[in-house]
Amino acid sequence: MIRCRTLETPFQVEFACGGHTGVCDATPDKGGQGQGFRPHELLEAALGSCTSMIVTIYAKNHGIALTGVSVDVSLDRSEPGTTAFDCAITLSGDLTDEERRRLLRAARACPVRKTLSAKLVFREQG
């Protein structure tokens, strides 16, 4: 579970899980200080991080000589009622075309991607 709490600086929010913490903030044009991640950037980071991890795990489990993964993610909400995640995956290593194809297929199995693709329900408590 992530716990979020407002900070003294307007629009800044600290988020924490266990011993790890981070800060969200709005951009200056929205009244914030721009001193932390924007909330939508955290969604992009969750998807990109999970994709990198799942590709790395797949390569390790299948003996593929992957030396690095880079994932660029951007969120596009320009079309009303539609949210699109644009993902660009760069694979490093001495990889065959078949290994690249398999790794990119594995990327689609990212659990965060599956979560974001499913029907979402919000249950508010308290």
N, C-alpha and C. Protein backbone atom coordinates (compact mmCIF):
# COMPACT_ATOMS: atom_id res chain seq x y z
N MET A 1 0.84 -1.17 0.00
CA MET A 1 0.00 0.00 0.00
C MET A 1 0.89 1.24 0.00
N ILE A 2 0.50 2.21 -0.76
CA ILE A 2 1.16 3.51 -0.78
C ILE A 2 0.36 4.46 0.11
N ARG A 3 1.06 5.19 0.93
CA ARG A 3 0.41 6.21 1.76
C ARG A 3 0.86 7.56 1.24
N CYS A 4 -0.11 8.45 1.03
CA CYS A 4 0.17 9.80 0.54
C CYS A 4 -0.30 10.81 1.58
N ARG A 5 0.52 11.87 1.76
CA ARG A 5 0.11 12.93 2.68
C ARG A 5 0.59 14.27 2.14
N THR A 6 -0.23 15.27 2.35
CA THR A 6 0.14 16.60 1.88
C THR A 6 1.29 17.14 2.71
N LEU A 7 2.11 17.96 2.05
CA LEU A 7 3.21 18.64 2.71
C LEU A 7 2.84 20.11 2.89
N GLU A 8 3.68 20.87 3.58
CA GLU A 8 3.37 22.28 3.83
C GLU A 8 3.36 23.11 2.55
N THR A 9 4.23 22.79 1.61
CA THR A 9 4.27 23.52 0.34
C THR A 9 3.02 23.18 -0.45
N PRO A 10 2.27 24.19 -0.91
CA PRO A 10 1.03 23.91 -1.64
C PRO A 10 1.23 22.94 -2.81
N PHE A 11 0.35 21.98 -2.90
CA PHE A 11 0.29 20.97 -3.95
C PHE A 11 1.34 19.88 -3.86
N GLN A 12 2.24 19.95 -2.90
CA GLN A 12 3.22 18.88 -2.76
C GLN A 12 2.65 17.77 -1.89
N VAL A 13 2.90 16.55 -2.31
CA VAL A 13 2.42 15.36 -1.63
C VAL A 13 3.58 14.38 -1.51
N GLU A 14 3.79 13.87 -0.31
CA GLU A 14 4.79 12.83 -0.11
C GLU A 14 4.08 11.49 -0.23
N PHE A 15 4.71 10.56 -0.95
CA PHE A 15 4.17 9.20 -1.00
C PHE A 15 5.23 8.26 -0.46
N ALA A 16 4.77 7.22 0.24
CA ALA A 16 5.71 6.32 0.90
C ALA A 16 5.16 4.90 0.91
N CYS A 17 6.12 3.96 0.91
CA CYS A 17 5.81 2.55 1.05
C CYS A 17 7.01 1.94 1.76
N GLY A 18 6.81 1.47 2.97
CA GLY A 18 7.95 0.96 3.72
C GLY A 18 8.93 2.08 3.96
N GLY A 19 10.20 1.85 3.66
CA GLY A 19 11.22 2.87 3.88
C GLY A 19 11.48 3.74 2.68
N HIS A 20 10.69 3.62 1.61
CA HIS A 20 10.91 4.38 0.39
C HIS A 20 9.92 5.54 0.31
N THR A 21 10.42 6.73 -0.07
CA THR A 21 9.55 7.89 -0.19
C THR A 21 9.83 8.64 -1.49
N GLY A 22 8.87 9.41 -1.91
CA GLY A 22 9.00 10.28 -3.08
C GLY A 22 8.07 11.46 -2.90
N VAL A 23 8.17 12.41 -3.82
CA VAL A 23 7.34 13.61 -3.74
C VAL A 23 6.67 13.87 -5.08
N CYS A 24 5.38 14.18 -5.01
CA CYS A 24 4.63 14.65 -6.16
C CYS A 24 4.45 16.15 -6.01
N ASP A 25 4.37 16.84 -7.13
CA ASP A 25 4.14 18.27 -7.11
C ASP A 25 3.50 18.66 -8.43
N ALA A 26 2.79 19.76 -8.40
CA ALA A 26 2.24 20.32 -9.64
C ALA A 26 3.29 21.22 -10.28
N THR A 27 3.13 21.45 -11.54
CA THR A 27 4.03 22.36 -12.24
C THR A 27 3.71 23.80 -11.82
N PRO A 28 4.68 24.71 -11.98
CA PRO A 28 4.43 26.10 -11.58
C PRO A 28 3.21 26.74 -12.25
N ASP A 29 2.94 26.40 -13.51
CA ASP A 29 1.77 26.98 -14.18
C ASP A 29 0.45 26.49 -13.58
N LYS A 30 0.51 25.42 -12.77
CA LYS A 30 -0.69 24.89 -12.10
C LYS A 30 -0.70 25.24 -10.61
N GLY A 31 0.26 26.07 -10.17
CA GLY A 31 0.30 26.50 -8.77
C GLY A 31 1.30 25.78 -7.91
N GLY A 32 2.01 24.79 -8.46
CA GLY A 32 3.00 24.05 -7.69
C GLY A 32 4.40 24.64 -7.84
N GLN A 33 5.37 23.93 -7.31
CA GLN A 33 6.76 24.37 -7.39
C GLN A 33 7.56 23.57 -8.42
N GLY A 34 6.97 22.50 -8.96
CA GLY A 34 7.68 21.66 -9.92
C GLY A 34 8.84 20.92 -9.29
N GLN A 35 8.72 20.57 -8.00
CA GLN A 35 9.82 19.93 -7.27
C GLN A 35 9.61 18.45 -7.03
N GLY A 36 8.78 17.83 -7.83
CA GLY A 36 8.55 16.39 -7.70
C GLY A 36 7.89 15.86 -8.95
N PHE A 37 7.63 14.58 -8.94
CA PHE A 37 6.93 13.96 -10.06
C PHE A 37 5.49 14.47 -10.11
N ARG A 38 4.98 14.64 -11.31
CA ARG A 38 3.55 14.89 -11.45
C ARG A 38 2.87 13.53 -11.35
N PRO A 39 1.63 13.47 -10.87
CA PRO A 39 0.96 12.18 -10.71
C PRO A 39 0.93 11.33 -11.97
N HIS A 40 0.68 11.93 -13.12
CA HIS A 40 0.66 11.13 -14.35
C HIS A 40 2.04 10.59 -14.71
N GLU A 41 3.08 11.29 -14.31
CA GLU A 41 4.43 10.78 -14.55
C GLU A 41 4.67 9.49 -13.76
N LEU A 42 4.03 9.38 -12.60
CA LEU A 42 4.17 8.14 -11.82
C LEU A 42 3.50 6.97 -12.52
N LEU A 43 2.39 7.23 -13.20
CA LEU A 43 1.78 6.17 -14.01
C LEU A 43 2.72 5.74 -15.13
N GLU A 44 3.34 6.71 -15.80
CA GLU A 44 4.29 6.40 -16.86
C GLU A 44 5.48 5.61 -16.29
N ALA A 45 5.97 6.03 -15.13
CA ALA A 45 7.11 5.34 -14.50
C ALA A 45 6.75 3.92 -14.11
N ALA A 46 5.55 3.72 -13.60
CA ALA A 46 5.13 2.36 -13.21
C ALA A 46 5.11 1.44 -14.43
N LEU A 47 4.56 1.92 -15.53
CA LEU A 47 4.50 1.10 -16.74
C LEU A 47 5.89 0.84 -17.31
N GLY A 48 6.71 1.87 -17.41
CA GLY A 48 8.06 1.71 -17.96
C GLY A 48 8.94 0.82 -17.10
N SER A 49 8.87 1.00 -15.79
CA SER A 49 9.67 0.18 -14.87
C SER A 49 9.27 -1.28 -14.93
N CYS A 50 7.98 -1.53 -14.90
CA CYS A 50 7.49 -2.91 -14.93
C CYS A 50 7.87 -3.57 -16.26
N THR A 51 7.74 -2.84 -17.35
CA THR A 51 8.10 -3.38 -18.66
C THR A 51 9.58 -3.75 -18.68
N SER A 52 10.45 -2.87 -18.18
CA SER A 52 11.88 -3.16 -18.13
C SER A 52 12.16 -4.41 -17.31
N MET A 53 11.50 -4.51 -16.16
CA MET A 53 11.72 -5.66 -15.28
C MET A 53 11.27 -6.96 -15.93
N ILE A 54 10.10 -6.97 -16.53
CA ILE A 54 9.57 -8.21 -17.09
C ILE A 54 10.42 -8.68 -18.27
N VAL A 55 10.93 -7.75 -19.08
CA VAL A 55 11.81 -8.11 -20.20
C VAL A 55 13.12 -8.67 -19.67
N THR A 56 13.67 -8.05 -18.64
CA THR A 56 14.92 -8.52 -18.04
C THR A 56 14.76 -9.91 -17.43
N ILE A 57 13.66 -10.12 -16.75
CA ILE A 57 13.39 -11.44 -16.15
C ILE A 57 13.25 -12.50 -17.24
N TYR A 58 12.51 -12.17 -18.29
CA TYR A 58 12.33 -13.12 -19.40
C TYR A 58 13.68 -13.48 -20.01
N ALA A 59 14.50 -12.48 -20.26
CA ALA A 59 15.83 -12.74 -20.86
C ALA A 59 16.66 -13.64 -19.96
N LYS A 60 16.67 -13.35 -18.68
CA LYS A 60 17.45 -14.16 -17.73
C LYS A 60 16.95 -15.60 -17.71
N ASN A 61 15.64 -15.77 -17.66
CA ASN A 61 15.06 -17.12 -17.58
C ASN A 61 15.23 -17.93 -18.86
N HIS A 62 15.47 -17.25 -19.98
CA HIS A 62 15.59 -17.94 -21.26
C HIS A 62 17.00 -17.86 -21.86
N GLY A 63 17.96 -17.44 -21.04
CA GLY A 63 19.35 -17.42 -21.50
C GLY A 63 19.63 -16.47 -22.65
N ILE A 64 18.91 -15.38 -22.72
CA ILE A 64 19.11 -14.40 -23.79
C ILE A 64 20.10 -13.35 -23.31
N ALA A 65 21.07 -13.02 -24.15
CA ALA A 65 22.18 -12.12 -23.79
C ALA A 65 21.77 -10.65 -23.84
N LEU A 66 20.74 -10.31 -23.12
CA LEU A 66 20.28 -8.93 -23.01
C LEU A 66 21.19 -8.18 -22.06
N THR A 67 21.71 -7.03 -22.47
CA THR A 67 22.58 -6.26 -21.58
C THR A 67 21.90 -5.01 -21.03
N GLY A 68 20.74 -4.65 -21.57
CA GLY A 68 20.04 -3.48 -21.05
C GLY A 68 18.71 -3.28 -21.74
N VAL A 69 17.82 -2.59 -21.03
CA VAL A 69 16.50 -2.25 -21.56
C VAL A 69 16.24 -0.78 -21.24
N SER A 70 15.75 -0.06 -22.21
CA SER A 70 15.33 1.32 -22.01
C SER A 70 13.89 1.43 -22.49
N VAL A 71 13.03 2.00 -21.66
CA VAL A 71 11.63 2.15 -22.04
C VAL A 71 11.25 3.62 -21.87
N ASP A 72 10.80 4.23 -22.95
CA ASP A 72 10.27 5.59 -22.90
C ASP A 72 8.76 5.50 -22.97
N VAL A 73 8.09 6.11 -22.00
CA VAL A 73 6.64 6.05 -21.93
C VAL A 73 6.08 7.47 -21.86
N SER A 74 5.08 7.73 -22.67
CA SER A 74 4.37 9.01 -22.56
C SER A 74 2.87 8.73 -22.58
N LEU A 75 2.17 9.53 -21.82
CA LEU A 75 0.73 9.40 -21.67
C LEU A 75 0.06 10.43 -22.56
N ASP A 76 -0.87 9.98 -23.38
CA ASP A 76 -1.59 10.86 -24.30
C ASP A 76 -3.07 10.83 -23.94
N ARG A 77 -3.58 11.97 -23.47
CA ARG A 77 -5.00 12.09 -23.13
C ARG A 77 -5.68 13.12 -24.03
N SER A 78 -5.15 13.31 -25.23
CA SER A 78 -5.66 14.35 -26.12
C SER A 78 -7.03 14.02 -26.72
N GLU A 79 -7.37 12.74 -26.78
CA GLU A 79 -8.67 12.35 -27.31
C GLU A 79 -9.63 12.11 -26.15
N PRO A 80 -10.71 12.86 -26.05
CA PRO A 80 -11.64 12.70 -24.93
C PRO A 80 -12.11 11.25 -24.78
N GLY A 81 -12.06 10.76 -23.55
CA GLY A 81 -12.53 9.41 -23.26
C GLY A 81 -11.52 8.31 -23.55
N THR A 82 -10.35 8.68 -24.05
CA THR A 82 -9.32 7.68 -24.37
C THR A 82 -8.01 8.08 -23.72
N THR A 83 -7.36 7.10 -23.11
CA THR A 83 -6.02 7.28 -22.57
C THR A 83 -5.10 6.34 -23.32
N ALA A 84 -4.04 6.89 -23.91
CA ALA A 84 -3.08 6.07 -24.66
C ALA A 84 -1.71 6.19 -24.02
N PHE A 85 -1.07 5.06 -23.85
CA PHE A 85 0.32 5.01 -23.40
C PHE A 85 1.17 4.69 -24.61
N ASP A 86 2.05 5.61 -24.98
CA ASP A 86 2.98 5.37 -26.07
C ASP A 86 4.29 4.87 -25.47
N CYS A 87 4.69 3.66 -25.86
CA CYS A 87 5.89 3.03 -25.29
C CYS A 87 6.90 2.73 -26.39
N ALA A 88 8.13 3.15 -26.16
CA ALA A 88 9.23 2.83 -27.07
C ALA A 88 10.26 2.03 -26.28
N ILE A 89 10.50 0.80 -26.71
CA ILE A 89 11.41 -0.10 -25.99
C ILE A 89 12.69 -0.26 -26.82
N THR A 90 13.83 -0.03 -26.17
CA THR A 90 15.12 -0.23 -26.80
C THR A 90 15.84 -1.35 -26.06
N LEU A 91 16.25 -2.36 -26.80
CA LEU A 91 16.95 -3.52 -26.23
C LEU A 91 18.42 -3.45 -26.60
N SER A 92 19.29 -3.72 -25.64
CA SER A 92 20.73 -3.73 -25.88
C SER A 92 21.28 -5.14 -25.70
N GLY A 93 22.28 -5.45 -26.50
CA GLY A 93 22.93 -6.75 -26.41
C GLY A 93 23.06 -7.37 -27.79
N ASP A 94 23.80 -8.44 -27.85
CA ASP A 94 24.01 -9.17 -29.11
C ASP A 94 22.81 -10.10 -29.28
N LEU A 95 21.72 -9.56 -29.83
CA LEU A 95 20.46 -10.29 -29.91
C LEU A 95 20.11 -10.61 -31.35
N THR A 96 19.55 -11.78 -31.56
CA THR A 96 19.04 -12.14 -32.88
C THR A 96 17.68 -11.47 -33.07
N ASP A 97 17.22 -11.43 -34.31
CA ASP A 97 15.89 -10.88 -34.58
C ASP A 97 14.82 -11.66 -33.83
N GLU A 98 14.97 -12.97 -33.75
CA GLU A 98 14.01 -13.82 -33.03
C GLU A 98 14.01 -13.48 -31.53
N GLU A 99 15.18 -13.29 -30.94
CA GLU A 99 15.25 -12.94 -29.51
C GLU A 99 14.60 -11.58 -29.26
N ARG A 100 14.84 -10.63 -30.14
CA ARG A 100 14.20 -9.31 -30.01
C ARG A 100 12.68 -9.45 -30.07
N ARG A 101 12.21 -10.24 -31.01
CA ARG A 101 10.76 -10.46 -31.15
C ARG A 101 10.20 -11.07 -29.87
N ARG A 102 10.87 -12.07 -29.32
CA ARG A 102 10.41 -12.73 -28.09
C ARG A 102 10.41 -11.77 -26.91
N LEU A 103 11.46 -10.96 -26.81
CA LEU A 103 11.54 -9.99 -25.69
C LEU A 103 10.43 -8.94 -25.79
N LEU A 104 10.17 -8.47 -27.00
CA LEU A 104 9.10 -7.47 -27.16
C LEU A 104 7.73 -8.09 -26.90
N ARG A 105 7.56 -9.36 -27.24
CA ARG A 105 6.32 -10.05 -26.91
C ARG A 105 6.18 -10.19 -25.40
N ALA A 106 7.28 -10.50 -24.71
CA ALA A 106 7.26 -10.62 -23.25
C ALA A 106 6.89 -9.29 -22.61
N ALA A 107 7.30 -8.18 -23.22
CA ALA A 107 6.98 -6.85 -22.67
C ALA A 107 5.47 -6.65 -22.56
N ARG A 108 4.72 -7.23 -23.47
CA ARG A 108 3.27 -7.09 -23.44
C ARG A 108 2.63 -7.82 -22.26
N ALA A 109 3.40 -8.67 -21.58
CA ALA A 109 2.90 -9.40 -20.41
C ALA A 109 3.14 -8.64 -19.12
N CYS A 110 3.60 -7.42 -19.21
CA CYS A 110 3.87 -6.60 -18.02
C CYS A 110 2.62 -6.52 -17.14
N PRO A 111 2.73 -6.88 -15.85
CA PRO A 111 1.56 -6.84 -14.96
C PRO A 111 0.94 -5.45 -14.83
N VAL A 112 1.74 -4.39 -14.85
CA VAL A 112 1.15 -3.05 -14.77
C VAL A 112 0.34 -2.76 -16.03
N ARG A 113 0.85 -3.17 -17.18
CA ARG A 113 0.09 -3.00 -18.43
C ARG A 113 -1.24 -3.73 -18.34
N LYS A 114 -1.21 -4.95 -17.83
CA LYS A 114 -2.46 -5.71 -17.68
C LYS A 114 -3.42 -5.01 -16.73
N THR A 115 -2.90 -4.46 -15.64
CA THR A 115 -3.73 -3.74 -14.68
C THR A 115 -4.36 -2.52 -15.32
N LEU A 116 -3.56 -1.74 -16.05
CA LEU A 116 -4.08 -0.53 -16.68
C LEU A 116 -5.04 -0.84 -17.83
N SER A 117 -4.96 -2.04 -18.38
CA SER A 117 -5.83 -2.44 -19.49
C SER A 117 -7.17 -3.01 -19.01
N ALA A 118 -7.25 -3.35 -17.74
CA ALA A 118 -8.46 -3.99 -17.21
C ALA A 118 -9.49 -2.93 -16.82
N LYS A 119 -10.70 -3.39 -16.58
CA LYS A 119 -11.73 -2.51 -16.05
C LYS A 119 -11.28 -2.02 -14.68
N LEU A 120 -11.38 -0.73 -14.46
CA LEU A 120 -10.96 -0.15 -13.18
C LEU A 120 -12.18 0.20 -12.34
N VAL A 121 -12.09 -0.09 -11.05
CA VAL A 121 -13.13 0.25 -10.10
C VAL A 121 -12.45 0.95 -8.94
N PHE A 122 -13.02 2.03 -8.47
CA PHE A 122 -12.47 2.76 -7.33
C PHE A 122 -13.38 2.59 -6.13
N ARG A 123 -12.81 2.07 -5.03
CA ARG A 123 -13.57 1.86 -3.79
C ARG A 123 -13.04 2.83 -2.76
N GLU A 124 -13.84 3.80 -2.43
CA GLU A 124 -13.43 4.82 -1.46
C GLU A 124 -13.84 4.39 -0.06
N GLN A 125 -12.93 4.59 0.88
CA GLN A 125 -13.18 4.22 2.27
C GLN A 125 -12.98 5.44 3.14
N GLY A 126 -13.82 5.58 4.16
CA GLY A 126 -13.65 6.61 5.18
C GLY A 126 -13.97 7.95 4.72
